[in-house]
Amino acid sequence: MIVGQLLVDHALIYALTATTDVPAVYLQQFWKTTKQMPNANETTCFMVDKEEITYTVDMFCSTLKLLVETPEQPFIPPATLKFIQHFLRSSAIKD
């Protein structure tokens, strides 16, 4: 549930769910047809409507406005489930 809530709170959720701008049928088609291209590192191919689209990881990052890891701005590893459970237990309101 916590991971689900984190995903809901993240801006990426708009790329993963149907909206009035993106009908569910297109998202279903994307998830059903997406595949990694053989011998093409970090490239994926998928269908939208009747059009086959090829995208690279860099293109997804740009489209979804995802941060890029740099030496000056490294990614912080996400908390483990064990850490989250411990935190929730220790911060629970006690009677």
PDB file of N, CA and C in Angstrom:
ATOM      1  N   MET A   1       0.816  -1.188   0.000  1.00  0.00           N
ATOM      2  CA  MET A   1       0.000   0.000   0.000  1.00  0.00           C
ATOM      3  C   MET A   1       0.869   1.265   0.000  1.00  0.00           C
ATOM      4  N   ILE A   2       1.972   1.234   0.744  1.00  0.00           N
ATOM      5  CA  ILE A   2       2.852   2.402   0.812  1.00  0.00           C
ATOM      6  C   ILE A   2       3.458   2.685  -0.557  1.00  0.00           C
ATOM      7  N   VAL A   3       3.936   1.626  -1.222  1.00  0.00           N
ATOM      8  CA  VAL A   3       4.525   1.802  -2.550  1.00  0.00           C
ATOM      9  C   VAL A   3       3.484   2.352  -3.507  1.00  0.00           C
ATOM     10  N   GLY A   4       2.268   1.836  -3.407  1.00  0.00           N
ATOM     11  CA  GLY A   4       1.183   2.339  -4.252  1.00  0.00           C
ATOM     12  C   GLY A   4       0.914   3.806  -4.014  1.00  0.00           C
ATOM     13  N   GLN A   5       0.927   4.214  -2.747  1.00  0.00           N
ATOM     14  CA  GLN A   5       0.691   5.625  -2.430  1.00  0.00           C
ATOM     15  C   GLN A   5       1.829   6.499  -2.935  1.00  0.00           C
ATOM     16  N   LEU A   6       3.076   6.002  -2.822  1.00  0.00           N
ATOM     17  CA  LEU A   6       4.216   6.749  -3.354  1.00  0.00           C
ATOM     18  C   LEU A   6       4.059   6.964  -4.853  1.00  0.00           C
ATOM     19  N   LEU A   7       3.613   5.917  -5.552  1.00  0.00           N
ATOM     20  CA  LEU A   7       3.414   6.031  -6.992  1.00  0.00           C
ATOM     21  C   LEU A   7       2.305   7.028  -7.303  1.00  0.00           C
ATOM     22  N   VAL A   8       1.227   6.984  -6.541  1.00  0.00           N
ATOM     23  CA  VAL A   8       0.115   7.916  -6.759  1.00  0.00           C
ATOM     24  C   VAL A   8       0.573   9.354  -6.541  1.00  0.00           C
ATOM     25  N   ASP A   9       1.440   9.575  -5.555  1.00  0.00           N
ATOM     26  CA  ASP A   9       1.915  10.924  -5.252  1.00  0.00           C
ATOM     27  C   ASP A   9       2.977  11.417  -6.227  1.00  0.00           C
ATOM     28  N   HIS A  10       3.536  10.528  -7.042  1.00  0.00           N
ATOM     29  CA  HIS A  10       4.613  10.901  -7.966  1.00  0.00           C
ATOM     30  C   HIS A  10       4.012  11.392  -9.288  1.00  0.00           C
ATOM     31  N   ALA A  11       4.684  12.320  -9.924  1.00  0.00           N
ATOM     32  CA  ALA A  11       4.195  12.868 -11.203  1.00  0.00           C
ATOM     33  C   ALA A  11       4.119  11.813 -12.295  1.00  0.00           C
ATOM     34  N   LEU A  12       4.874  10.719 -12.151  1.00  0.00           N
ATOM     35  CA  LEU A  12       4.875   9.652 -13.156  1.00  0.00           C
ATOM     36  C   LEU A  12       3.508   8.986 -13.273  1.00  0.00           C
ATOM     37  N   ILE A  13       2.675   9.082 -12.250  1.00  0.00           N
ATOM     38  CA  ILE A  13       1.362   8.444 -12.286  1.00  0.00           C
ATOM     39  C   ILE A  13       0.545   8.906 -13.485  1.00  0.00           C
ATOM     40  N   TYR A  14       0.737  10.157 -13.912  1.00  0.00           N
ATOM     41  CA  TYR A  14      -0.023  10.668 -15.054  1.00  0.00           C
ATOM     42  C   TYR A  14       0.344   9.956 -16.349  1.00  0.00           C
ATOM     43  N   ALA A  15       1.553   9.432 -16.426  1.00  0.00           N
ATOM     44  CA  ALA A  15       1.971   8.695 -17.608  1.00  0.00           C
ATOM     45  C   ALA A  15       1.479   7.258 -17.575  1.00  0.00           C
ATOM     46  N   LEU A  16       1.047   6.793 -16.412  1.00  0.00           N
ATOM     47  CA  LEU A  16       0.669   5.386 -16.260  1.00  0.00           C
ATOM     48  C   LEU A  16      -0.830   5.170 -16.153  1.00  0.00           C
ATOM     49  N   THR A  17      -1.606   6.225 -16.160  1.00  0.00           N
ATOM     50  CA  THR A  17      -3.043   6.095 -15.991  1.00  0.00           C
ATOM     51  C   THR A  17      -3.803   6.805 -17.108  1.00  0.00           C
ATOM     52  N   ALA A  18      -5.030   6.374 -17.299  1.00  0.00           N
ATOM     53  CA  ALA A  18      -5.876   7.002 -18.310  1.00  0.00           C
ATOM     54  C   ALA A  18      -6.408   8.323 -17.782  1.00  0.00           C
ATOM     55  N   THR A  19      -6.501   9.292 -18.643  1.00  0.00           N
ATOM     56  CA  THR A  19      -7.072  10.588 -18.300  1.00  0.00           C
ATOM     57  C   THR A  19      -8.024  10.983 -19.416  1.00  0.00           C
ATOM     58  N   THR A  20      -8.594  12.151 -19.294  1.00  0.00           N
ATOM     59  CA  THR A  20      -9.456  12.626 -20.374  1.00  0.00           C
ATOM     60  C   THR A  20      -8.644  12.892 -21.631  1.00  0.00           C
ATOM     61  N   ASP A  21      -7.333  13.149 -21.457  1.00  0.00           N
ATOM     62  CA  ASP A  21      -6.469  13.391 -22.610  1.00  0.00           C
ATOM     63  C   ASP A  21      -5.951  12.098 -23.237  1.00  0.00           C
ATOM     64  N   VAL A  22      -5.821  11.032 -22.418  1.00  0.00           N
ATOM     65  CA  VAL A  22      -5.280   9.757 -22.896  1.00  0.00           C
ATOM     66  C   VAL A  22      -6.291   8.648 -22.591  1.00  0.00           C
ATOM     67  N   PRO A  23      -7.069   8.238 -23.584  1.00  0.00           N
ATOM     68  CA  PRO A  23      -8.051   7.189 -23.350  1.00  0.00           C
ATOM     69  C   PRO A  23      -7.398   5.879 -22.895  1.00  0.00           C
ATOM     70  N   ALA A  24      -8.096   5.140 -22.061  1.00  0.00           N
ATOM     71  CA  ALA A  24      -7.584   3.881 -21.507  1.00  0.00           C
ATOM     72  C   ALA A  24      -7.180   2.897 -22.602  1.00  0.00           C
ATOM     73  N   VAL A  25      -7.875   2.897 -23.722  1.00  0.00           N
ATOM     74  CA  VAL A  25      -7.564   1.937 -24.777  1.00  0.00           C
ATOM     75  C   VAL A  25      -6.131   2.131 -25.294  1.00  0.00           C
ATOM     76  N   TYR A  26      -5.647   3.382 -25.339  1.00  0.00           N
ATOM     77  CA  TYR A  26      -4.278   3.622 -25.793  1.00  0.00           C
ATOM     78  C   TYR A  26      -3.259   3.140 -24.768  1.00  0.00           C
ATOM     79  N   LEU A  27      -3.566   3.328 -23.492  1.00  0.00           N
ATOM     80  CA  LEU A  27      -2.653   2.826 -22.459  1.00  0.00           C
ATOM     81  C   LEU A  27      -2.624   1.307 -22.459  1.00  0.00           C
ATOM     82  N   GLN A  28      -3.781   0.683 -22.629  1.00  0.00           N
ATOM     83  CA  GLN A  28      -3.830  -0.779 -22.703  1.00  0.00           C
ATOM     84  C   GLN A  28      -3.019  -1.279 -23.896  1.00  0.00           C
ATOM     85  N   GLN A  29      -3.168  -0.620 -25.015  1.00  0.00           N
ATOM     86  CA  GLN A  29      -2.428  -1.012 -26.207  1.00  0.00           C
ATOM     87  C   GLN A  29      -0.928  -0.815 -25.989  1.00  0.00           C
ATOM     88  N   PHE A  30      -0.537   0.299 -25.354  1.00  0.00           N
ATOM     89  CA  PHE A  30       0.882   0.537 -25.070  1.00  0.00           C
ATOM     90  C   PHE A  30       1.445  -0.592 -24.220  1.00  0.00           C
ATOM     91  N   TRP A  31       0.785  -0.893 -23.076  1.00  0.00           N
ATOM     92  CA  TRP A  31       1.314  -1.920 -22.169  1.00  0.00           C
ATOM     93  C   TRP A  31       1.321  -3.298 -22.828  1.00  0.00           C
ATOM     94  N   LYS A  32       0.352  -3.565 -23.697  1.00  0.00           N
ATOM     95  CA  LYS A  32       0.282  -4.881 -24.350  1.00  0.00           C
ATOM     96  C   LYS A  32       1.342  -5.042 -25.442  1.00  0.00           C
ATOM     97  N   THR A  33       1.710  -3.961 -26.112  1.00  0.00           N
ATOM     98  CA  THR A  33       2.597  -4.076 -27.273  1.00  0.00           C
ATOM     99  C   THR A  33       4.037  -3.654 -27.015  1.00  0.00           C
ATOM    100  N   THR A  34       4.321  -3.058 -25.865  1.00  0.00           N
ATOM    101  CA  THR A  34       5.679  -2.571 -25.642  1.00  0.00           C
ATOM    102  C   THR A  34       6.660  -3.725 -25.521  1.00  0.00           C
ATOM    103  N   LYS A  35       7.798  -3.568 -26.186  1.00  0.00           N
ATOM    104  CA  LYS A  35       8.842  -4.598 -26.143  1.00  0.00           C
ATOM    105  C   LYS A  35      10.190  -3.944 -26.406  1.00  0.00           C
ATOM    106  N   GLN A  36      11.226  -4.563 -25.835  1.00  0.00           N
ATOM    107  CA  GLN A  36      12.571  -4.042 -26.055  1.00  0.00           C
ATOM    108  C   GLN A  36      13.050  -4.503 -27.424  1.00  0.00           C
ATOM    109  N   MET A  37      13.685  -3.601 -28.133  1.00  0.00           N
ATOM    110  CA  MET A  37      14.193  -3.916 -29.466  1.00  0.00           C
ATOM    111  C   MET A  37      15.439  -4.793 -29.354  1.00  0.00           C
ATOM    112  N   PRO A  38      15.500  -5.868 -30.122  1.00  0.00           N
ATOM    113  CA  PRO A  38      16.691  -6.712 -30.078  1.00  0.00           C
ATOM    114  C   PRO A  38      17.912  -5.962 -30.614  1.00  0.00           C
ATOM    115  N   ASN A  39      19.029  -6.172 -29.966  1.00  0.00           N
ATOM    116  CA  ASN A  39      20.308  -5.560 -30.370  1.00  0.00           C
ATOM    117  C   ASN A  39      20.266  -4.031 -30.381  1.00  0.00           C
ATOM    118  N   ALA A  40      19.341  -3.446 -29.646  1.00  0.00           N
ATOM    119  CA  ALA A  40      19.267  -1.983 -29.555  1.00  0.00           C
ATOM    120  C   ALA A  40      19.135  -1.638 -28.076  1.00  0.00           C
ATOM    121  N   ASN A  41      20.251  -1.335 -27.461  1.00  0.00           N
ATOM    122  CA  ASN A  41      20.274  -1.077 -26.034  1.00  0.00           C
ATOM    123  C   ASN A  41      19.407   0.137 -25.677  1.00  0.00           C
ATOM    124  N   GLU A  42      18.567  -0.018 -24.665  1.00  0.00           N
ATOM    125  CA  GLU A  42      17.716   1.051 -24.150  1.00  0.00           C
ATOM    126  C   GLU A  42      16.726   1.600 -25.176  1.00  0.00           C
ATOM    127  N   THR A  43      16.247   0.758 -26.056  1.00  0.00           N
ATOM    128  CA  THR A  43      15.260   1.170 -27.052  1.00  0.00           C
ATOM    129  C   THR A  43      14.052   0.247 -26.948  1.00  0.00           C
ATOM    130  N   THR A  44      12.864   0.837 -26.980  1.00  0.00           N
ATOM    131  CA  THR A  44      11.637   0.053 -26.905  1.00  0.00           C
ATOM    132  C   THR A  44      10.729   0.425 -28.069  1.00  0.00           C
ATOM    133  N   CYS A  45       9.882  -0.502 -28.423  1.00  0.00           N
ATOM    134  CA  CYS A  45       8.941  -0.293 -29.532  1.00  0.00           C
ATOM    135  C   CYS A  45       7.540  -0.579 -28.998  1.00  0.00           C
ATOM    136  N   PHE A  46       6.550   0.206 -29.409  1.00  0.00           N
ATOM    137  CA  PHE A  46       5.175  -0.012 -28.972  1.00  0.00           C
ATOM    138  C   PHE A  46       4.227   0.548 -30.012  1.00  0.00           C
ATOM    139  N   MET A  47       2.960   0.184 -29.873  1.00  0.00           N
ATOM    140  CA  MET A  47       1.921   0.647 -30.790  1.00  0.00           C
ATOM    141  C   MET A  47       1.011   1.644 -30.083  1.00  0.00           C
ATOM    142  N   VAL A  48       0.625   2.679 -30.805  1.00  0.00           N
ATOM    143  CA  VAL A  48      -0.421   3.596 -30.372  1.00  0.00           C
ATOM    144  C   VAL A  48      -1.324   3.786 -31.570  1.00  0.00           C
ATOM    145  N   ASP A  49      -2.588   3.412 -31.380  1.00  0.00           N
ATOM    146  CA  ASP A  49      -3.556   3.363 -32.462  1.00  0.00           C
ATOM    147  C   ASP A  49      -3.033   2.374 -33.493  1.00  0.00           C
ATOM    148  N   LYS A  50      -2.723   2.787 -34.689  1.00  0.00           N
ATOM    149  CA  LYS A  50      -2.193   1.865 -35.710  1.00  0.00           C
ATOM    150  C   LYS A  50      -0.750   2.178 -36.048  1.00  0.00           C
ATOM    151  N   GLU A  51      -0.121   3.020 -35.226  1.00  0.00           N
ATOM    152  CA  GLU A  51       1.237   3.462 -35.517  1.00  0.00           C
ATOM    153  C   GLU A  51       2.247   2.796 -34.586  1.00  0.00           C
ATOM    154  N   GLU A  52       3.312   2.250 -35.158  1.00  0.00           N
ATOM    155  CA  GLU A  52       4.389   1.677 -34.360  1.00  0.00           C
ATOM    156  C   GLU A  52       5.392   2.786 -34.043  1.00  0.00           C
ATOM    157  N   ILE A  53       5.740   2.900 -32.768  1.00  0.00           N
ATOM    158  CA  ILE A  53       6.626   3.968 -32.308  1.00  0.00           C
ATOM    159  C   ILE A  53       7.845   3.353 -31.644  1.00  0.00           C
ATOM    160  N   THR A  54       9.002   3.898 -31.942  1.00  0.00           N
ATOM    161  CA  THR A  54      10.248   3.473 -31.321  1.00  0.00           C
ATOM    162  C   THR A  54      10.746   4.616 -30.450  1.00  0.00           C
ATOM    163  N   TYR A  55      11.059   4.289 -29.198  1.00  0.00           N
ATOM    164  CA  TYR A  55      11.480   5.294 -28.219  1.00  0.00           C
ATOM    165  C   TYR A  55      12.725   4.812 -27.506  1.00  0.00           C
ATOM    166  N   THR A  56      13.601   5.742 -27.182  1.00  0.00           N
ATOM    167  CA  THR A  56      14.776   5.419 -26.377  1.00  0.00           C
ATOM    168  C   THR A  56      14.510   5.855 -24.928  1.00  0.00           C
ATOM    169  N   VAL A  57      15.338   5.372 -24.023  1.00  0.00           N
ATOM    170  CA  VAL A  57      15.208   5.763 -22.625  1.00  0.00           C
ATOM    171  C   VAL A  57      15.328   7.280 -22.483  1.00  0.00           C
ATOM    172  N   ASP A  58      16.251   7.888 -23.205  1.00  0.00           N
ATOM    173  CA  ASP A  58      16.414   9.344 -23.142  1.00  0.00           C
ATOM    174  C   ASP A  58      15.144  10.073 -23.584  1.00  0.00           C
ATOM    175  N   MET A  59      14.473   9.539 -24.592  1.00  0.00           N
ATOM    176  CA  MET A  59      13.233  10.161 -25.060  1.00  0.00           C
ATOM    177  C   MET A  59      12.145  10.061 -23.992  1.00  0.00           C
ATOM    178  N   PHE A  60      12.039   8.891 -23.312  1.00  0.00           N
ATOM    179  CA  PHE A  60      11.071   8.743 -22.225  1.00  0.00           C
ATOM    180  C   PHE A  60      11.384   9.725 -21.103  1.00  0.00           C
ATOM    181  N   CYS A  61      12.649   9.834 -20.727  1.00  0.00           N
ATOM    182  CA  CYS A  61      13.051  10.755 -19.655  1.00  0.00           C
ATOM    183  C   CYS A  61      12.670  12.184 -19.998  1.00  0.00           C
ATOM    184  N   SER A  62      12.887  12.558 -21.239  1.00  0.00           N
ATOM    185  CA  SER A  62      12.555  13.916 -21.668  1.00  0.00           C
ATOM    186  C   SER A  62      11.038  14.136 -21.681  1.00  0.00           C
ATOM    187  N   THR A  63      10.296  13.193 -22.237  1.00  0.00           N
ATOM    188  CA  THR A  63       8.845  13.308 -22.333  1.00  0.00           C
ATOM    189  C   THR A  63       8.196  13.351 -20.960  1.00  0.00           C
ATOM    190  N   LEU A  64       8.658  12.469 -20.055  1.00  0.00           N
ATOM    191  CA  LEU A  64       8.064  12.378 -18.721  1.00  0.00           C
ATOM    192  C   LEU A  64       8.701  13.342 -17.719  1.00  0.00           C
ATOM    193  N   LYS A  65       9.693  14.103 -18.204  1.00  0.00           N
ATOM    194  CA  LYS A  65      10.406  15.061 -17.362  1.00  0.00           C
ATOM    195  C   LYS A  65      11.009  14.393 -16.123  1.00  0.00           C
ATOM    196  N   LEU A  66      11.647  13.221 -16.356  1.00  0.00           N
ATOM    197  CA  LEU A  66      12.300  12.492 -15.276  1.00  0.00           C
ATOM    198  C   LEU A  66      13.688  13.058 -15.042  1.00  0.00           C
ATOM    199  N   LEU A  67      14.086  13.087 -13.803  1.00  0.00           N
ATOM    200  CA  LEU A  67      15.421  13.574 -13.467  1.00  0.00           C
ATOM    201  C   LEU A  67      16.479  12.610 -13.984  1.00  0.00           C
ATOM    202  N   VAL A  68      17.643  13.155 -14.297  1.00  0.00           N
ATOM    203  CA  VAL A  68      18.761  12.350 -14.762  1.00  0.00           C
ATOM    204  C   VAL A  68      19.839  12.393 -13.684  1.00  0.00           C
ATOM    205  N   GLU A  69      20.405  11.228 -13.386  1.00  0.00           N
ATOM    206  CA  GLU A  69      21.459  11.171 -12.381  1.00  0.00           C
ATOM    207  C   GLU A  69      22.746  11.763 -12.941  1.00  0.00           C
ATOM    208  N   THR A  70      23.368  12.616 -12.158  1.00  0.00           N
ATOM    209  CA  THR A  70      24.650  13.209 -12.528  1.00  0.00           C
ATOM    210  C   THR A  70      25.576  13.085 -11.320  1.00  0.00           C
ATOM    211  N   PRO A  71      26.901  13.260 -11.508  1.00  0.00           N
ATOM    212  CA  PRO A  71      27.802  13.219 -10.348  1.00  0.00           C
ATOM    213  C   PRO A  71      27.449  14.269  -9.296  1.00  0.00           C
ATOM    214  N   GLU A  72      26.966  15.432  -9.740  1.00  0.00           N
ATOM    215  CA  GLU A  72      26.596  16.495  -8.810  1.00  0.00           C
ATOM    216  C   GLU A  72      25.241  16.242  -8.142  1.00  0.00           C
ATOM    217  N   GLN A  73      24.397  15.436  -8.796  1.00  0.00           N
ATOM    218  CA  GLN A  73      23.056  15.175  -8.284  1.00  0.00           C
ATOM    219  C   GLN A  73      22.752  13.682  -8.399  1.00  0.00           C
ATOM    220  N   PRO A  74      23.376  12.867  -7.513  1.00  0.00           N
ATOM    221  CA  PRO A  74      23.141  11.419  -7.592  1.00  0.00           C
ATOM    222  C   PRO A  74      21.757  11.056  -7.065  1.00  0.00           C
ATOM    223  N   PHE A  75      21.245   9.915  -7.530  1.00  0.00           N
ATOM    224  CA  PHE A  75      19.971   9.433  -7.021  1.00  0.00           C
ATOM    225  C   PHE A  75      20.159   8.932  -5.596  1.00  0.00           C
ATOM    226  N   ILE A  76      19.167   9.139  -4.799  1.00  0.00           N
ATOM    227  CA  ILE A  76      19.175   8.613  -3.438  1.00  0.00           C
ATOM    228  C   ILE A  76      18.414   7.292  -3.482  1.00  0.00           C
ATOM    229  N   PRO A  77      19.032   6.200  -3.010  1.00  0.00           N
ATOM    230  CA  PRO A  77      18.328   4.915  -3.066  1.00  0.00           C
ATOM    231  C   PRO A  77      17.032   4.976  -2.257  1.00  0.00           C
ATOM    232  N   PRO A  78      15.977   4.350  -2.751  1.00  0.00           N
ATOM    233  CA  PRO A  78      14.713   4.375  -2.021  1.00  0.00           C
ATOM    234  C   PRO A  78      14.825   3.571  -0.722  1.00  0.00           C
ATOM    235  N   ALA A  79      13.978   3.908   0.225  1.00  0.00           N
ATOM    236  CA  ALA A  79      13.953   3.189   1.494  1.00  0.00           C
ATOM    237  C   ALA A  79      13.491   1.761   1.262  1.00  0.00           C
ATOM    238  N   THR A  80      14.043   0.852   2.026  1.00  0.00           N
ATOM    239  CA  THR A  80      13.642  -0.552   1.924  1.00  0.00           C
ATOM    240  C   THR A  80      12.320  -0.751   2.655  1.00  0.00           C
ATOM    241  N   LEU A  81      11.635  -1.821   2.328  1.00  0.00           N
ATOM    242  CA  LEU A  81      10.368  -2.135   2.984  1.00  0.00           C
ATOM    243  C   LEU A  81      10.593  -2.338   4.479  1.00  0.00           C
ATOM    244  N   LYS A  82      11.684  -2.978   4.852  1.00  0.00           N
ATOM    245  CA  LYS A  82      12.000  -3.206   6.261  1.00  0.00           C
ATOM    246  C   LYS A  82      12.141  -1.864   6.995  1.00  0.00           C
ATOM    247  N   PHE A  83      12.840  -0.913   6.400  1.00  0.00           N
ATOM    248  CA  PHE A  83      13.007   0.413   7.005  1.00  0.00           C
ATOM    249  C   PHE A  83      11.654   1.110   7.153  1.00  0.00           C
ATOM    250  N   ILE A  84      10.826   1.051   6.125  1.00  0.00           N
ATOM    251  CA  ILE A  84       9.516   1.708   6.164  1.00  0.00           C
ATOM    252  C   ILE A  84       8.642   1.092   7.255  1.00  0.00           C
ATOM    253  N   GLN A  85       8.643  -0.250   7.338  1.00  0.00           N
ATOM    254  CA  GLN A  85       7.844  -0.914   8.362  1.00  0.00           C
ATOM    255  C   GLN A  85       8.318  -0.505   9.760  1.00  0.00           C
ATOM    256  N   HIS A  86       9.636  -0.470   9.970  1.00  0.00           N
ATOM    257  CA  HIS A  86      10.185  -0.069  11.261  1.00  0.00           C
ATOM    258  C   HIS A  86       9.785   1.380  11.583  1.00  0.00           C
ATOM    259  N   PHE A  87       9.891   2.242  10.603  1.00  0.00           N
ATOM    260  CA  PHE A  87       9.522   3.645  10.794  1.00  0.00           C
ATOM    261  C   PHE A  87       8.050   3.775  11.182  1.00  0.00           C
ATOM    262  N   LEU A  88       7.178   3.051  10.480  1.00  0.00           N
ATOM    263  CA  LEU A  88       5.747   3.139  10.775  1.00  0.00           C
ATOM    264  C   LEU A  88       5.433   2.619  12.173  1.00  0.00           C
ATOM    265  N   ARG A  89       6.089   1.533  12.568  1.00  0.00           N
ATOM    266  CA  ARG A  89       5.863   0.992  13.907  1.00  0.00           C
ATOM    267  C   ARG A  89       6.366   1.962  14.978  1.00  0.00           C
ATOM    268  N   SER A  90       7.515   2.556  14.752  1.00  0.00           N
ATOM    269  CA  SER A  90       8.099   3.439  15.770  1.00  0.00           C
ATOM    270  C   SER A  90       7.398   4.797  15.833  1.00  0.00           C
ATOM    271  N   SER A  91       6.742   5.199  14.760  1.00  0.00           N
ATOM    272  CA  SER A  91       6.068   6.501  14.770  1.00  0.00           C
ATOM    273  C   SER A  91       4.581   6.397  15.012  1.00  0.00           C
ATOM    274  N   ALA A  92       4.080   5.195  15.269  1.00  0.00           N
ATOM    275  CA  ALA A  92       2.655   5.008  15.512  1.00  0.00           C
ATOM    276  C   ALA A  92       2.260   5.700  16.807  1.00  0.00           C
ATOM    277  N   ILE A  93       1.063   6.241  16.813  1.00  0.00           N
ATOM    278  CA  ILE A  93       0.541   6.905  18.019  1.00  0.00           C
ATOM    279  C   ILE A  93       0.231   5.834  19.036  1.00  0.00           C
ATOM    280  N   LYS A  94       0.743   6.031  20.224  1.00  0.00           N
ATOM    281  CA  LYS A  94       0.529   5.066  21.300  1.00  0.00           C
ATOM    282  C   LYS A  94      -0.468   5.627  22.295  1.00  0.00           C
ATOM    283  N   ASP A  95      -1.355   4.746  22.778  1.00  0.00           N
ATOM    284  CA  ASP A  95      -2.379   5.170  23.754  1.00  0.00           C
ATOM    285  C   ASP A  95      -1.762   5.449  25.096  1.00  0.00           C
TER     286      ASP A  95
END
